[in-house]
C-alpha atoms as a PDB file:
ATOM      1  CA  MET A   1       0.023  -0.003   0.004  1.00  0.00           C
ATOM      2  CA  ILE A   2       2.818   2.398   0.789  1.00  0.00           C
ATOM      3  CA  GLU A   3       4.654   1.499  -2.395  1.00  0.00           C
ATOM      4  CA  VAL A   4       1.505   2.396  -4.310  1.00  0.00           C
ATOM      5  CA  ARG A   5       1.329   5.727  -2.520  1.00  0.00           C
ATOM      6  CA  LEU A   6       4.964   6.432  -3.323  1.00  0.00           C
ATOM      7  CA  LYS A   7       4.177   5.841  -7.054  1.00  0.00           C
ATOM      8  CA  GLU A   8       1.048   8.110  -6.896  1.00  0.00           C
ATOM      9  CA  LEU A   9       3.319  10.805  -5.392  1.00  0.00           C
ATOM     10  CA  LYS A  10       5.953  10.054  -8.117  1.00  0.00           C
ATOM     11  CA  ILE A  11       8.526   9.466  -5.418  1.00  0.00           C
ATOM     12  CA  ASP A  12      11.614   7.181  -5.999  1.00  0.00           C
ATOM     13  CA  LEU A  13      13.355   6.470  -2.642  1.00  0.00           C
ATOM     14  CA  PRO A  14      17.112   6.793  -2.658  1.00  0.00           C
ATOM     15  CA  ALA A  15      19.310   3.953  -1.657  1.00  0.00           C
ATOM     16  CA  PRO A  16      20.013   4.061   2.070  1.00  0.00           C
ATOM     17  CA  THR A  17      23.190   5.989   2.726  1.00  0.00           C
ATOM     18  CA  PRO A  18      25.899   4.504   4.890  1.00  0.00           C
ATOM     19  CA  PRO A  19      26.866   6.428   8.062  1.00  0.00           C
ATOM     20  CA  ALA A  20      29.482   9.241   7.618  1.00  0.00           C
ATOM     21  CA  ALA A  21      31.131   8.403  10.993  1.00  0.00           C
ATOM     22  CA  ASN A  22      31.112   5.762  13.808  1.00  0.00           C
ATOM     23  CA  TYR A  23      27.388   5.188  14.300  1.00  0.00           C
ATOM     24  CA  VAL A  24      24.661   2.946  12.820  1.00  0.00           C
ATOM     25  CA  PRO A  25      21.962   4.472  10.459  1.00  0.00           C
ATOM     26  CA  PHE A  26      19.140   2.927  12.417  1.00  0.00           C
ATOM     27  CA  LEU A  27      18.581   0.807  15.484  1.00  0.00           C
ATOM     28  CA  LYS A  28      15.574  -1.354  16.204  1.00  0.00           C
ATOM     29  CA  THR A  29      14.572  -2.553  19.608  1.00  0.00           C
ATOM     30  CA  GLY A  30      11.314  -4.335  20.070  1.00  0.00           C
ATOM     31  CA  SER A  31       8.774  -2.379  17.993  1.00  0.00           C
ATOM     32  CA  ILE A  32      10.764   0.965  18.192  1.00  0.00           C
ATOM     33  CA  LEU A  33      12.928   2.023  15.353  1.00  0.00           C
ATOM     34  CA  LEU A  34      15.241   5.021  15.797  1.00  0.00           C
ATOM     35  CA  VAL A  35      16.802   6.493  12.679  1.00  0.00           C
ATOM     36  CA  SER A  36      20.043   8.511  12.938  1.00  0.00           C
ATOM     37  CA  GLY A  37      20.170  12.014  11.597  1.00  0.00           C
ATOM     38  CA  GLN A  38      19.881  12.182   7.888  1.00  0.00           C
ATOM     39  CA  LEU A  39      21.219  14.900   5.595  1.00  0.00           C
ATOM     40  CA  PRO A  40      19.710  16.442   2.491  1.00  0.00           C
ATOM     41  CA  LEU A  41      21.416  14.117   0.027  1.00  0.00           C
ATOM     42  CA  LEU A  42      20.876  13.871  -3.606  1.00  0.00           C
ATOM     43  CA  LYS A  43      22.842  11.178  -5.481  1.00  0.00           C
ATOM     44  CA  GLU A  44      24.896  10.712  -2.335  1.00  0.00           C
ATOM     45  CA  GLU A  45      26.034  14.336  -2.212  1.00  0.00           C
ATOM     46  CA  VAL A  46      24.840  17.024   0.210  1.00  0.00           C
ATOM     47  CA  ARG A  47      22.550  19.072  -1.946  1.00  0.00           C
ATOM     48  CA  TYR A  48      22.070  22.056   0.348  1.00  0.00           C
ATOM     49  CA  LYS A  49      25.324  23.271   2.099  1.00  0.00           C
ATOM     50  CA  GLY A  50      25.112  26.460   4.107  1.00  0.00           C
ATOM     51  CA  LYS A  51      22.648  28.348   6.213  1.00  0.00           C
ATOM     52  CA  VAL A  52      18.911  28.737   5.841  1.00  0.00           C
ATOM     53  CA  GLY A  53      18.135  32.463   5.965  1.00  0.00           C
ATOM     54  CA  GLN A  54      21.534  33.300   4.494  1.00  0.00           C
ATOM     55  CA  GLU A  55      22.560  31.119   1.493  1.00  0.00           C
ATOM     56  CA  PHE A  56      19.064  29.525   1.273  1.00  0.00           C
ATOM     57  CA  SER A  57      15.441  30.693   1.459  1.00  0.00           C
ATOM     58  CA  LEU A  58      12.768  29.244   3.509  1.00  0.00           C
ATOM     59  CA  GLU A  59      11.442  27.259   0.581  1.00  0.00           C
ATOM     60  CA  GLU A  60      14.914  25.864  -0.193  1.00  0.00           C
ATOM     61  CA  GLY A  61      15.113  24.913   3.494  1.00  0.00           C
ATOM     62  CA  GLN A  62      11.899  23.075   3.157  1.00  0.00           C
ATOM     63  CA  GLU A  63      13.193  21.193   0.190  1.00  0.00           C
ATOM     64  CA  ALA A  64      16.324  20.345   2.122  1.00  0.00           C
ATOM     65  CA  ALA A  65      14.105  18.951   4.975  1.00  0.00           C
ATOM     66  CA  ARG A  66      12.103  16.982   2.323  1.00  0.00           C
ATOM     67  CA  LEU A  67      15.330  15.358   1.040  1.00  0.00           C
ATOM     68  CA  CYS A  68      16.278  14.512   4.652  1.00  0.00           C
ATOM     69  CA  CYS A  69      12.820  12.832   5.043  1.00  0.00           C
ATOM     70  CA  LEU A  70      13.406  10.751   1.776  1.00  0.00           C
ATOM     71  CA  GLN A  71      16.730   9.564   3.416  1.00  0.00           C
ATOM     72  CA  ILE A  72      14.849   8.687   6.589  1.00  0.00           C
ATOM     73  CA  ILE A  73      12.175   6.575   4.756  1.00  0.00           C
ATOM     74  CA  ALA A  74      14.913   4.828   2.804  1.00  0.00           C
ATOM     75  CA  GLN A  75      16.536   3.843   6.156  1.00  0.00           C
ATOM     76  CA  VAL A  76      13.156   2.761   7.517  1.00  0.00           C
ATOM     77  CA  LYS A  77      12.626   0.588   4.315  1.00  0.00           C
ATOM     78  CA  GLU A  78      15.983  -1.058   4.996  1.00  0.00           C
ATOM     79  CA  ALA A  79      15.253  -1.689   8.549  1.00  0.00           C
ATOM     80  CA  CYS A  80      11.883  -3.255   7.728  1.00  0.00           C
ATOM     81  CA  GLU A  81      13.490  -5.527   5.163  1.00  0.00           C
ATOM     82  CA  GLY A  82      11.902  -3.711   2.248  1.00  0.00           C
ATOM     83  CA  ASP A  83       8.310  -3.485   3.622  1.00  0.00           C
ATOM     84  CA  LEU A  84       7.217   0.008   4.574  1.00  0.00           C
ATOM     85  CA  ASN A  85       3.733  -1.444   5.340  1.00  0.00           C
ATOM     86  CA  ARG A  86       5.348  -2.574   8.645  1.00  0.00           C
ATOM     87  CA  VAL A  87       5.393   1.102   9.753  1.00  0.00           C
ATOM     88  CA  ARG A  88       2.726   1.507  12.502  1.00  0.00           C
ATOM     89  CA  ARG A  89       3.423   5.100  13.136  1.00  0.00           C
ATOM     90  CA  CYS A  90       5.975   7.898  12.775  1.00  0.00           C
ATOM     91  CA  LEU A  91       6.308   9.005  16.382  1.00  0.00           C
ATOM     92  CA  ARG A  92       8.719  11.863  16.208  1.00  0.00           C
ATOM     93  CA  LEU A  93      10.950  13.955  14.020  1.00  0.00           C
ATOM     94  CA  GLY A  94      13.818  15.850  15.415  1.00  0.00           C
ATOM     95  CA  GLY A  95      15.052  18.653  13.125  1.00  0.00           C
ATOM     96  CA  PHE A  96      18.235  20.714  13.207  1.00  0.00           C
ATOM     97  CA  ILE A  97      18.424  23.754  10.984  1.00  0.00           C
ATOM     98  CA  ASN A  98      21.848  25.326  10.052  1.00  0.00           C
ATOM     99  CA  SER A  99      20.488  28.767  10.192  1.00  0.00           C
ATOM    100  CA  ALA A 100      21.506  32.464  10.021  1.00  0.00           C
ATOM    101  CA  GLU A 101      21.616  34.114  13.484  1.00  0.00           C
ATOM    102  CA  ASN A 102      18.406  36.022  13.017  1.00  0.00           C
ATOM    103  CA  PHE A 103      16.424  33.156  11.317  1.00  0.00           C
ATOM    104  CA  THR A 104      13.324  32.123  13.526  1.00  0.00           C
ATOM    105  CA  ASP A 105      11.261  30.024  10.992  1.00  0.00           C
ATOM    106  CA  HIS A 106      12.753  26.649  11.929  1.00  0.00           C
ATOM    107  CA  HIS A 107       9.276  25.109  12.327  1.00  0.00           C
ATOM    108  CA  LYS A 108       8.332  26.195   8.838  1.00  0.00           C
ATOM    109  CA  VAL A 109      11.544  24.551   7.433  1.00  0.00           C
ATOM    110  CA  MET A 110      10.502  21.263   9.154  1.00  0.00           C
ATOM    111  CA  ASN A 111       7.160  21.326   7.424  1.00  0.00           C
ATOM    112  CA  GLY A 112       9.058  20.118   4.291  1.00  0.00           C
ATOM    113  CA  ALA A 113       9.618  16.796   6.164  1.00  0.00           C
ATOM    114  CA  SER A 114       6.397  16.748   8.161  1.00  0.00           C
ATOM    115  CA  ASP A 115       4.175  17.340   5.070  1.00  0.00           C
ATOM    116  CA  LEU A 116       5.899  14.597   3.142  1.00  0.00           C
ATOM    117  CA  MET A 117       5.758  12.053   6.045  1.00  0.00           C
ATOM    118  CA  ILE A 118       1.976  12.684   6.243  1.00  0.00           C
ATOM    119  CA  ALA A 119       1.571  12.589   2.375  1.00  0.00           C
ATOM    120  CA  ILE A 120       3.277   9.141   2.338  1.00  0.00           C
ATOM    121  CA  PHE A 121       1.848   7.516   5.511  1.00  0.00           C
ATOM    122  CA  GLY A 122      -1.410   9.299   6.114  1.00  0.00           C
ATOM    123  CA  GLU A 123      -2.464   9.304   9.737  1.00  0.00           C
ATOM    124  CA  LYS A 124       0.462   7.003  10.564  1.00  0.00           C
ATOM    125  CA  GLY A 125       2.724   9.778   9.502  1.00  0.00           C
ATOM    126  CA  GLN A 126       1.411  12.270  11.932  1.00  0.00           C
ATOM    127  CA  HIS A 127       4.080  12.874  14.677  1.00  0.00           C
ATOM    128  CA  VAL A 128       5.439  15.085  17.422  1.00  0.00           C
ATOM    129  CA  ARG A 129       8.640  16.986  16.499  1.00  0.00           C
ATOM    130  CA  VAL A 130      11.153  19.429  17.489  1.00  0.00           C
ATOM    131  CA  ALA A 131      12.756  22.096  15.268  1.00  0.00           C
ATOM    132  CA  MET A 132      15.798  23.921  16.480  1.00  0.00           C
ATOM    133  CA  GLY A 133      18.468  26.191  15.029  1.00  0.00           C
ATOM    134  CA  ALA A 134      22.101  25.191  14.954  1.00  0.00           C
ATOM    135  CA  ALA A 135      25.263  27.126  14.434  1.00  0.00           C
ATOM    136  CA  ALA A 136      26.655  24.409  12.209  1.00  0.00           C
ATOM    137  CA  LEU A 137      25.830  20.830  11.026  1.00  0.00           C
ATOM    138  CA  PRO A 138      27.935  17.890   9.717  1.00  0.00           C
ATOM    139  CA  LEU A 139      29.316  18.498   6.164  1.00  0.00           C
ATOM    140  CA  ASN A 140      27.880  22.026   6.340  1.00  0.00           C
ATOM    141  CA  ALA A 141      24.393  20.614   5.603  1.00  0.00           C
ATOM    142  CA  ALA A 142      21.498  23.113   5.883  1.00  0.00           C
ATOM    143  CA  VAL A 143      19.271  20.561   7.685  1.00  0.00           C
ATOM    144  CA  GLU A 144      19.621  17.279   9.519  1.00  0.00           C
ATOM    145  CA  ILE A 145      16.612  15.292  10.737  1.00  0.00           C
ATOM    146  CA  GLU A 146      16.395  12.268  13.076  1.00  0.00           C
ATOM    147  CA  ALA A 147      13.246  10.126  13.492  1.00  0.00           C
ATOM    148  CA  LEU A 148      11.512   7.631  15.689  1.00  0.00           C
ATOM    149  CA  PHE A 149       9.012   5.088  14.469  1.00  0.00           C
ATOM    150  CA  GLU A 150       6.861   2.217  15.731  1.00  0.00           C
ATOM    151  CA  VAL A 151       7.017  -0.733  13.442  1.00  0.00           C
ATOM    152  CA  ALA A 152       5.648  -4.200  13.283  1.00  0.00           C
END
């Protein structure tokens, strides 16, 4: 059912990206799946490098968050052995926005990920979240997002 939804939305998930340092991309314990922070990658390259509100507009920040979300879903698919229908619920998204000092629309940037999560998973995609500014992020990425899911 989720694969059909992805086709309807014309979304091709990227291949899950290996970690950039000494950590695992996801960890499953019981029915809880934690996904490490994902960057806005496109063809394994950071697509948005720099600060939202400085090098990038709010809309570009939202697109960066959307790319992070696609990376998250790719990791979830890998963790669920290819079956996204095992997702019971997206519980939480944690967003970090590499932002200019006076930028205060972090919550709007995160809508890029939240809107996509709900578009793909419907009610199961509704989640709690945090959106916060950061002085810098790994690889100078504009956005990094971590996630928490309940899976079957």
